[in-house]
C-alpha atoms as a PDB file:
ATOM      1  CA  MET A   1     -10.912   7.646 -23.889  1.00  0.00           C
ATOM      2  CA  THR A   2     -11.261   4.329 -25.702  1.00  0.00           C
ATOM      3  CA  GLU A   3     -10.050   4.386 -29.303  1.00  0.00           C
ATOM      4  CA  LEU A   4     -12.394   3.380 -32.081  1.00  0.00           C
ATOM      5  CA  ASN A   5     -12.326  -0.376 -32.742  1.00  0.00           C
ATOM      6  CA  GLU A   6     -10.052  -0.989 -29.763  1.00  0.00           C
ATOM      7  CA  PRO A   7     -10.831  -4.426 -28.288  1.00  0.00           C
ATOM      8  CA  LEU A   8     -12.653  -4.555 -24.967  1.00  0.00           C
ATOM      9  CA  PHE A   9     -12.476  -7.173 -22.243  1.00  0.00           C
ATOM     10  CA  HIS A  10     -14.747  -8.385 -19.462  1.00  0.00           C
ATOM     11  CA  VAL A  11     -13.137  -9.471 -16.204  1.00  0.00           C
ATOM     12  CA  VAL A  12     -14.426 -12.754 -14.748  1.00  0.00           C
ATOM     13  CA  LEU A  13     -14.767 -12.383 -10.971  1.00  0.00           C
ATOM     14  CA  GLU A  14     -16.415 -15.116  -8.920  1.00  0.00           C
ATOM     15  CA  GLY A  15     -18.160 -16.430 -12.026  1.00  0.00           C
ATOM     16  CA  ARG A  16     -19.558 -13.026 -13.035  1.00  0.00           C
ATOM     17  CA  LYS A  17     -18.399 -10.788 -15.882  1.00  0.00           C
ATOM     18  CA  VAL A  18     -17.470  -7.206 -14.999  1.00  0.00           C
ATOM     19  CA  GLY A  19     -16.742  -4.479 -17.521  1.00  0.00           C
ATOM     20  CA  PRO A  20     -16.047  -4.134 -20.372  1.00  0.00           C
ATOM     21  CA  TYR A  21     -12.644  -2.428 -20.083  1.00  0.00           C
ATOM     22  CA  ASP A  22     -10.046  -1.469 -22.636  1.00  0.00           C
ATOM     23  CA  ARG A  23      -6.470  -2.757 -22.476  1.00  0.00           C
ATOM     24  CA  ARG A  24      -5.070   0.327 -20.741  1.00  0.00           C
ATOM     25  CA  THR A  25      -7.669   0.057 -17.968  1.00  0.00           C
ATOM     26  CA  VAL A  26      -6.964  -3.648 -17.425  1.00  0.00           C
ATOM     27  CA  VAL A  27      -3.221  -2.996 -17.240  1.00  0.00           C
ATOM     28  CA  GLY A  28      -3.840  -0.128 -14.808  1.00  0.00           C
ATOM     29  CA  MET A  29      -5.862  -2.427 -12.546  1.00  0.00           C
ATOM     30  CA  ARG A  30      -3.021  -4.972 -12.638  1.00  0.00           C
ATOM     31  CA  ILE A  31      -0.470  -2.293 -11.701  1.00  0.00           C
ATOM     32  CA  ARG A  32      -2.656  -1.184  -8.771  1.00  0.00           C
ATOM     33  CA  HIS A  33      -3.036  -4.880  -7.765  1.00  0.00           C
ATOM     34  CA  THR A  34      -6.814  -4.726  -8.267  1.00  0.00           C
ATOM     35  CA  LEU A  35      -6.272  -7.691 -10.617  1.00  0.00           C
ATOM     36  CA  THR A  36      -3.629 -10.402 -10.628  1.00  0.00           C
ATOM     37  CA  SER A  37      -1.814 -11.824 -13.644  1.00  0.00           C
ATOM     38  CA  GLU A  38      -3.885 -15.028 -13.304  1.00  0.00           C
ATOM     39  CA  ASP A  39      -7.313 -13.343 -13.429  1.00  0.00           C
ATOM     40  CA  VAL A  40      -9.416 -14.372 -16.434  1.00  0.00           C
ATOM     41  CA  LEU A  41     -10.648 -12.032 -19.170  1.00  0.00           C
ATOM     42  CA  VAL A  42     -13.159 -12.583 -21.955  1.00  0.00           C
ATOM     43  CA  ASP A  43     -12.799 -10.567 -25.173  1.00  0.00           C
ATOM     44  CA  THR A  44     -15.628  -9.396 -27.430  1.00  0.00           C
ATOM     45  CA  ASP A  45     -15.395 -12.642 -29.431  1.00  0.00           C
ATOM     46  CA  GLY A  46     -15.905 -14.753 -26.324  1.00  0.00           C
ATOM     47  CA  ARG A  47     -12.296 -15.969 -26.115  1.00  0.00           C
ATOM     48  CA  GLN A  48     -10.770 -16.385 -22.676  1.00  0.00           C
ATOM     49  CA  LEU A  49      -7.291 -15.223 -21.724  1.00  0.00           C
ATOM     50  CA  THR A  50      -5.498 -14.193 -18.570  1.00  0.00           C
ATOM     51  CA  VAL A  51      -4.367 -10.713 -17.622  1.00  0.00           C
ATOM     52  CA  ALA A  52      -0.777 -11.917 -18.144  1.00  0.00           C
ATOM     53  CA  ASP A  53      -1.673 -13.048 -21.678  1.00  0.00           C
ATOM     54  CA  LEU A  54      -3.085  -9.623 -22.472  1.00  0.00           C
ATOM     55  CA  ILE A  55      -0.141  -7.719 -21.020  1.00  0.00           C
ATOM     56  CA  GLY A  56       2.295  -9.999 -22.824  1.00  0.00           C
ATOM     57  CA  ARG A  57       1.011  -8.833 -26.184  1.00  0.00           C
ATOM     58  CA  ARG A  58       3.010  -6.074 -27.846  1.00  0.00           C
ATOM     59  CA  PRO A  59       1.433  -2.641 -27.346  1.00  0.00           C
ATOM     60  CA  ARG A  60      -0.207  -0.887 -30.291  1.00  0.00           C
ATOM     61  CA  VAL A  61       2.223   1.032 -32.522  1.00  0.00           C
ATOM     62  CA  ASN A  62       0.863   4.426 -31.430  1.00  0.00           C
ATOM     63  CA  ASP A  63       0.989   3.715 -27.693  1.00  0.00           C
ATOM     64  CA  PHE A  64       4.499   5.108 -27.311  1.00  0.00           C
ATOM     65  CA  SER A  65       5.051   7.600 -30.094  1.00  0.00           C
ATOM     66  CA  PRO A  66       7.465  10.285 -28.837  1.00  0.00           C
ATOM     67  CA  ASN A  67      10.875  10.390 -30.491  1.00  0.00           C
ATOM     68  CA  ARG A  68      10.681   6.865 -31.846  1.00  0.00           C
ATOM     69  CA  THR A  69      13.962   5.540 -33.182  1.00  0.00           C
ATOM     70  CA  GLY A  70      14.147   4.787 -36.882  1.00  0.00           C
ATOM     71  CA  SER A  71      13.642   1.457 -38.564  1.00  0.00           C
ATOM     72  CA  HIS A  72      17.420   0.885 -38.612  1.00  0.00           C
ATOM     73  CA  SER A  73      17.722   0.719 -34.811  1.00  0.00           C
ATOM     74  CA  ILE A  74      18.562  -2.668 -33.336  1.00  0.00           C
ATOM     75  CA  VAL A  75      16.034  -3.813 -30.738  1.00  0.00           C
ATOM     76  CA  ARG A  76      16.936  -6.953 -28.841  1.00  0.00           C
ATOM     77  CA  ALA A  77      13.740  -7.300 -26.797  1.00  0.00           C
ATOM     78  CA  THR A  78      10.646  -5.285 -25.879  1.00  0.00           C
ATOM     79  CA  TYR A  79       8.540  -5.743 -22.746  1.00  0.00           C
ATOM     80  CA  PRO A  80       5.385  -4.167 -21.341  1.00  0.00           C
ATOM     81  CA  ALA A  81       6.150  -3.041 -17.804  1.00  0.00           C
ATOM     82  CA  SER A  82       5.477  -0.399 -15.183  1.00  0.00           C
ATOM     83  CA  LEU A  83       7.849   1.770 -13.188  1.00  0.00           C
ATOM     84  CA  ALA A  84       7.595   0.403  -9.656  1.00  0.00           C
ATOM     85  CA  ALA A  85      10.134   2.625  -7.876  1.00  0.00           C
ATOM     86  CA  VAL A  86      13.092   4.957  -8.308  1.00  0.00           C
ATOM     87  CA  GLU A  87      15.435   5.536  -5.374  1.00  0.00           C
ATOM     88  CA  GLY A  88      18.401   7.874  -5.328  1.00  0.00           C
ATOM     89  CA  LYS A  89      19.789  10.505  -7.667  1.00  0.00           C
ATOM     90  CA  GLY A  90      21.476  10.063 -11.008  1.00  0.00           C
ATOM     91  CA  HIS A  91      19.472   9.615 -14.191  1.00  0.00           C
ATOM     92  CA  ALA A  92      16.509  11.971 -14.545  1.00  0.00           C
ATOM     93  CA  ILE A  93      13.724   9.396 -14.880  1.00  0.00           C
ATOM     94  CA  PRO A  94      10.233  10.788 -15.520  1.00  0.00           C
ATOM     95  CA  PRO A  95       7.567   9.719 -13.000  1.00  0.00           C
ATOM     96  CA  PHE A  96       5.928   7.317 -15.465  1.00  0.00           C
ATOM     97  CA  ARG A  97       2.439   6.129 -14.561  1.00  0.00           C
ATOM     98  CA  GLY A  98       0.624   3.126 -15.915  1.00  0.00           C
ATOM     99  CA  GLU A  99       2.136   0.893 -18.568  1.00  0.00           C
ATOM    100  CA  VAL A 100       5.552   1.647 -20.024  1.00  0.00           C
ATOM    101  CA  GLU A 101       7.540   0.046 -22.822  1.00  0.00           C
ATOM    102  CA  ALA A 102      10.946  -1.312 -21.762  1.00  0.00           C
ATOM    103  CA  ARG A 103      13.115  -1.822 -24.820  1.00  0.00           C
ATOM    104  CA  VAL A 104      16.551  -3.454 -24.618  1.00  0.00           C
ATOM    105  CA  GLN A 105      18.915  -2.141 -27.291  1.00  0.00           C
ATOM    106  CA  PRO A 106      22.626  -2.947 -27.791  1.00  0.00           C
ATOM    107  CA  ASP A 107      23.873  -0.268 -25.407  1.00  0.00           C
ATOM    108  CA  VAL A 108      20.808   1.210 -23.674  1.00  0.00           C
ATOM    109  CA  LEU A 109      17.621   0.248 -21.844  1.00  0.00           C
ATOM    110  CA  ARG A 110      14.936   2.539 -23.277  1.00  0.00           C
ATOM    111  CA  ILE A 111      11.855   3.178 -21.141  1.00  0.00           C
ATOM    112  CA  ALA A 112       8.950   5.074 -22.706  1.00  0.00           C
ATOM    113  CA  GLY A 113       5.542   5.963 -21.315  1.00  0.00           C
ATOM    114  CA  ARG A 114       3.241   8.646 -19.952  1.00  0.00           C
ATOM    115  CA  PHE A 115       3.280  10.826 -16.860  1.00  0.00           C
ATOM    116  CA  ARG A 116       1.324  13.765 -15.531  1.00  0.00           C
ATOM    117  CA  LYS A 117       2.722  17.260 -15.817  1.00  0.00           C
ATOM    118  CA  GLY A 118       0.330  19.682 -14.197  1.00  0.00           C
ATOM    119  CA  LEU A 119      -3.157  18.865 -15.432  1.00  0.00           C
ATOM    120  CA  ARG A 120      -2.012  17.233 -18.662  1.00  0.00           C
ATOM    121  CA  TRP A 121      -0.510  13.919 -19.673  1.00  0.00           C
ATOM    122  CA  LYS A 122       2.895  13.969 -21.336  1.00  0.00           C
ATOM    123  CA  GLU A 123       4.687  11.205 -23.207  1.00  0.00           C
ATOM    124  CA  ASP A 124       8.448  10.852 -22.975  1.00  0.00           C
ATOM    125  CA  ARG A 125      11.314   8.353 -22.821  1.00  0.00           C
ATOM    126  CA  ILE A 126      14.576   7.795 -20.959  1.00  0.00           C
ATOM    127  CA  LYS A 127      17.631   5.868 -22.142  1.00  0.00           C
ATOM    128  CA  LEU A 128      19.657   4.160 -19.423  1.00  0.00           C
ATOM    129  CA  PRO A 129      23.142   3.118 -20.635  1.00  0.00           C
ATOM    130  CA  LEU A 130      23.702  -0.583 -20.051  1.00  0.00           C
ATOM    131  CA  LYS A 131      27.264   0.187 -18.957  1.00  0.00           C
ATOM    132  CA  ASP A 132      25.789   2.064 -15.970  1.00  0.00           C
ATOM    133  CA  ILE A 133      24.045  -1.065 -14.632  1.00  0.00           C
ATOM    134  CA  VAL A 134      26.169  -2.114 -11.653  1.00  0.00           C
ATOM    135  CA  HIS A 135      23.833  -4.799 -10.247  1.00  0.00           C
ATOM    136  CA  ALA A 136      20.704  -6.470 -11.630  1.00  0.00           C
ATOM    137  CA  ARG A 137      18.388  -9.094 -10.170  1.00  0.00           C
ATOM    138  CA  VAL A 138      14.838 -10.452 -10.258  1.00  0.00           C
ATOM    139  CA  ARG A 139      12.582 -10.360  -7.200  1.00  0.00           C
ATOM    140  CA  GLY A 140       9.321 -12.111  -8.018  1.00  0.00           C
ATOM    141  CA  THR A 141       7.853 -10.207 -10.952  1.00  0.00           C
ATOM    142  CA  GLU A 142      10.177  -7.198 -10.610  1.00  0.00           C
ATOM    143  CA  VAL A 143      13.553  -6.472 -12.180  1.00  0.00           C
ATOM    144  CA  GLU A 144      15.719  -4.372  -9.855  1.00  0.00           C
ATOM    145  CA  LEU A 145      18.652  -2.380 -11.229  1.00  0.00           C
ATOM    146  CA  ASP A 146      21.397  -0.560  -9.365  1.00  0.00           C
ATOM    147  CA  LEU A 147      22.738   2.208 -11.600  1.00  0.00           C
ATOM    148  CA  ARG A 148      26.057   3.998 -11.437  1.00  0.00           C
ATOM    149  CA  PRO A 149      25.313   7.110  -9.373  1.00  0.00           C
ATOM    150  CA  ALA A 150      26.059  10.759  -9.755  1.00  0.00           C
ATOM    151  CA  GLU A 151      29.465  11.606  -8.296  1.00  0.00           C
ATOM    152  CA  GLY A 152      29.456  11.410  -4.521  1.00  0.00           C
ATOM    153  CA  GLN A 153      25.992   9.806  -4.406  1.00  0.00           C
ATOM    154  CA  PRO A 154      24.911   6.236  -3.501  1.00  0.00           C
ATOM    155  CA  LEU A 155      23.740   3.880  -6.230  1.00  0.00           C
ATOM    156  CA  GLN A 156      20.456   4.792  -7.909  1.00  0.00           C
ATOM    157  CA  ARG A 157      17.918   1.945  -7.804  1.00  0.00           C
ATOM    158  CA  VAL A 158      15.238   1.447 -10.445  1.00  0.00           C
ATOM    159  CA  SER A 159      12.553  -1.241 -10.110  1.00  0.00           C
ATOM    160  CA  LEU A 160      10.456  -2.357 -13.091  1.00  0.00           C
ATOM    161  CA  GLU A 161       7.308  -4.469 -12.698  1.00  0.00           C
ATOM    162  CA  LEU A 162       7.197  -7.100 -15.483  1.00  0.00           C
ATOM    163  CA  PHE A 163       3.896  -8.688 -14.311  1.00  0.00           C
ATOM    164  CA  THR A 164       5.107 -12.329 -14.445  1.00  0.00           C
ATOM    165  CA  PRO A 165       8.264 -14.038 -13.092  1.00  0.00           C
ATOM    166  CA  ALA A 166       8.965 -15.527 -16.539  1.00  0.00           C
ATOM    167  CA  MET A 167       9.000 -12.137 -18.251  1.00  0.00           C
ATOM    168  CA  ALA A 168      11.172 -10.673 -15.489  1.00  0.00           C
ATOM    169  CA  ALA A 169      13.702 -13.514 -15.807  1.00  0.00           C
ATOM    170  CA  GLU A 170      13.734 -13.201 -19.601  1.00  0.00           C
ATOM    171  CA  MET A 171      14.409  -9.465 -19.455  1.00  0.00           C
ATOM    172  CA  LEU A 172      17.205  -9.984 -16.924  1.00  0.00           C
ATOM    173  CA  GLY A 173      18.866 -12.332 -19.412  1.00  0.00           C
ATOM    174  CA  TRP A 174      19.266  -9.464 -21.881  1.00  0.00           C
ATOM    175  CA  LEU A 175      20.983  -7.189 -19.350  1.00  0.00           C
ATOM    176  CA  PRO A 176      24.672  -7.128 -18.422  1.00  0.00           C
ATOM    177  CA  ALA A 177      25.536  -9.531 -15.611  1.00  0.00           C
ATOM    178  CA  GLY A 178      27.382  -6.850 -13.623  1.00  0.00           C
ATOM    179  CA  ALA A 179      28.690  -7.589 -10.140  1.00  0.00           C
ATOM    180  CA  PRO A 180      26.867  -9.948  -7.737  1.00  0.00           C
ATOM    181  CA  TRP A 181      24.075  -8.249  -5.838  1.00  0.00           C
ATOM    182  CA  PRO A 182      25.402  -7.077  -2.444  1.00  0.00           C
ATOM    183  CA  HIS A 183      24.404  -9.256   0.515  1.00  0.00           C
ATOM    184  CA  ASP A 184      22.460 -11.484  -1.879  1.00  0.00           C
ATOM    185  CA  MET A 185      22.809 -15.130  -0.859  1.00  0.00           C
ATOM    186  CA  LEU A 186      21.101 -18.142  -2.346  1.00  0.00           C
ATOM    187  CA  PRO A 187      19.050 -20.120   0.197  1.00  0.00           C
ATOM    188  CA  SER A 188      21.062 -23.293  -0.525  1.00  0.00           C
ATOM    189  CA  ALA A 189      24.312 -21.498   0.241  1.00  0.00           C
ATOM    190  CA  ALA A 190      22.878 -20.110   3.462  1.00  0.00           C
ATOM    191  CA  VAL A 191      21.749 -23.609   4.518  1.00  0.00           C
ATOM    192  CA  ALA A 192      25.187 -25.056   3.721  1.00  0.00           C
ATOM    193  CA  ILE A 193      26.926 -22.392   5.798  1.00  0.00           C
ATOM    194  CA  ASP A 194      24.490 -22.937   8.669  1.00  0.00           C
ATOM    195  CA  ARG A 195      25.137 -26.690   8.602  1.00  0.00           C
ATOM    196  CA  ARG A 196      28.901 -26.145   8.636  1.00  0.00           C
ATOM    197  CA  SER A 197      28.514 -23.803  11.615  1.00  0.00           C
ATOM    198  CA  GLN A 198      26.504 -26.418  13.484  1.00  0.00           C
ATOM    199  CA  GLN A 199      29.136 -29.082  12.754  1.00  0.00           C
ATOM    200  CA  VAL A 200      31.931 -26.827  14.037  1.00  0.00           C
ATOM    201  CA  LEU A 201      29.897 -26.074  17.177  1.00  0.00           C
ATOM    202  CA  TRP A 202      29.244 -29.757  17.913  1.00  0.00           C
ATOM    203  CA  LEU A 203      32.910 -30.630  17.364  1.00  0.00           C
ATOM    204  CA  SER A 204      33.957 -27.868  19.756  1.00  0.00           C
ATOM    205  CA  VAL A 205      31.503 -29.104  22.426  1.00  0.00           C
ATOM    206  CA  ALA A 206      32.610 -32.710  21.969  1.00  0.00           C
ATOM    207  CA  GLY A 207      36.269 -31.728  22.230  1.00  0.00           C
ATOM    208  CA  ALA A 208      35.704 -29.743  25.410  1.00  0.00           C
ATOM    209  CA  THR A 209      33.670 -32.600  26.953  1.00  0.00           C
ATOM    210  CA  PHE A 210      36.405 -35.111  26.119  1.00  0.00           C
ATOM    211  CA  ALA A 211      39.095 -32.886  27.693  1.00  0.00           C
ATOM    212  CA  VAL A 212      37.070 -32.483  30.903  1.00  0.00           C
ATOM    213  CA  GLY A 213      36.528 -36.234  31.022  1.00  0.00           C
ATOM    214  CA  VAL A 214      40.281 -36.935  30.746  1.00  0.00           C
ATOM    215  CA  VAL A 215      41.092 -34.500  33.593  1.00  0.00           C
ATOM    216  CA  LEU A 216      38.450 -36.079  35.859  1.00  0.00           C
ATOM    217  CA  ALA A 217      39.759 -39.557  35.079  1.00  0.00           C
ATOM    218  CA  VAL A 218      43.329 -38.534  35.985  1.00  0.00           C
ATOM    219  CA  LEU A 219      42.230 -36.975  39.300  1.00  0.00           C
ATOM    220  CA  LEU A 220      40.175 -40.021  40.183  1.00  0.00           C
ATOM    221  CA  ALA A 221      43.068 -42.355  39.416  1.00  0.00           C
ATOM    222  CA  ARG A 222      45.409 -40.363  41.713  1.00  0.00           C
ATOM    223  CA  ARG A 223      42.948 -40.636  44.618  1.00  0.00           C
ATOM    224  CA  LEU A 224      42.607 -44.382  44.191  1.00  0.00           C
ATOM    225  CA  TYR A 225      46.343 -45.047  44.090  1.00  0.00           C
END
C-alpha cells in the first residue's frame, strides 16, 4: 500500500509514460530486471531521473525499523541493495525479498529488510562480522562475499545486488581486503601468461628445428667426402 504523500513516478518506455508507481514498486521491478538502472522516470513534478538515481537515494527513515541501533552507533556507509543469493551454511540469513539496507559499521555488515513468513511480511536484520569475510569482489553490479563457514563446511557465499557498478565498487572499498579471490585472474595477467607460453613454444620449436638441421648437414657432409 502506498503511504500518504509518498512520491510517485512514471516510467518512460518507448516514449510513453507508464504508471505511476511508488519507490518500492520501481525498485522491485529493477530487482526482477523488468527495468534497468538506465531507464528514465518522471516524478510528479515533471522532473526526470533514472532508476539508478532513485535507488541511490537514502531510503525513508521508517523503511527499516526493526531493532535500529542508537544514535551513537558509527555508520561508515549505507547502501540500498537486494539479496541476490546465499550459498552454503553458516550465518542464518533471512530470505530477504525486495530492497534491503546494507550498512557498513566498524566491525559488522548489517543487512536489514523484509521477507515473507507464512502469509505475512516480517522485518528483520542480520549482522555479518567483517572479520568473517574471507574473500570479497565485485562482479558487474554485484558484491560477492565468501564468509568463514561453520566448522567442517565450505565457505558460505553471499551476493548483494547494488544496482550500479559504481555503487558496488564503492561498497567493496569499505570492506576488508581479505585474501585474493580463488582462481581470480585479471585479463591482463592472463594475456601476459599466454604470450609467455607462446614465446616458450616458439623457442622450443626453433631449437628442435635447428638441431635437426645440424644433424642433416653433418650426414650430408659425410656422404660428399
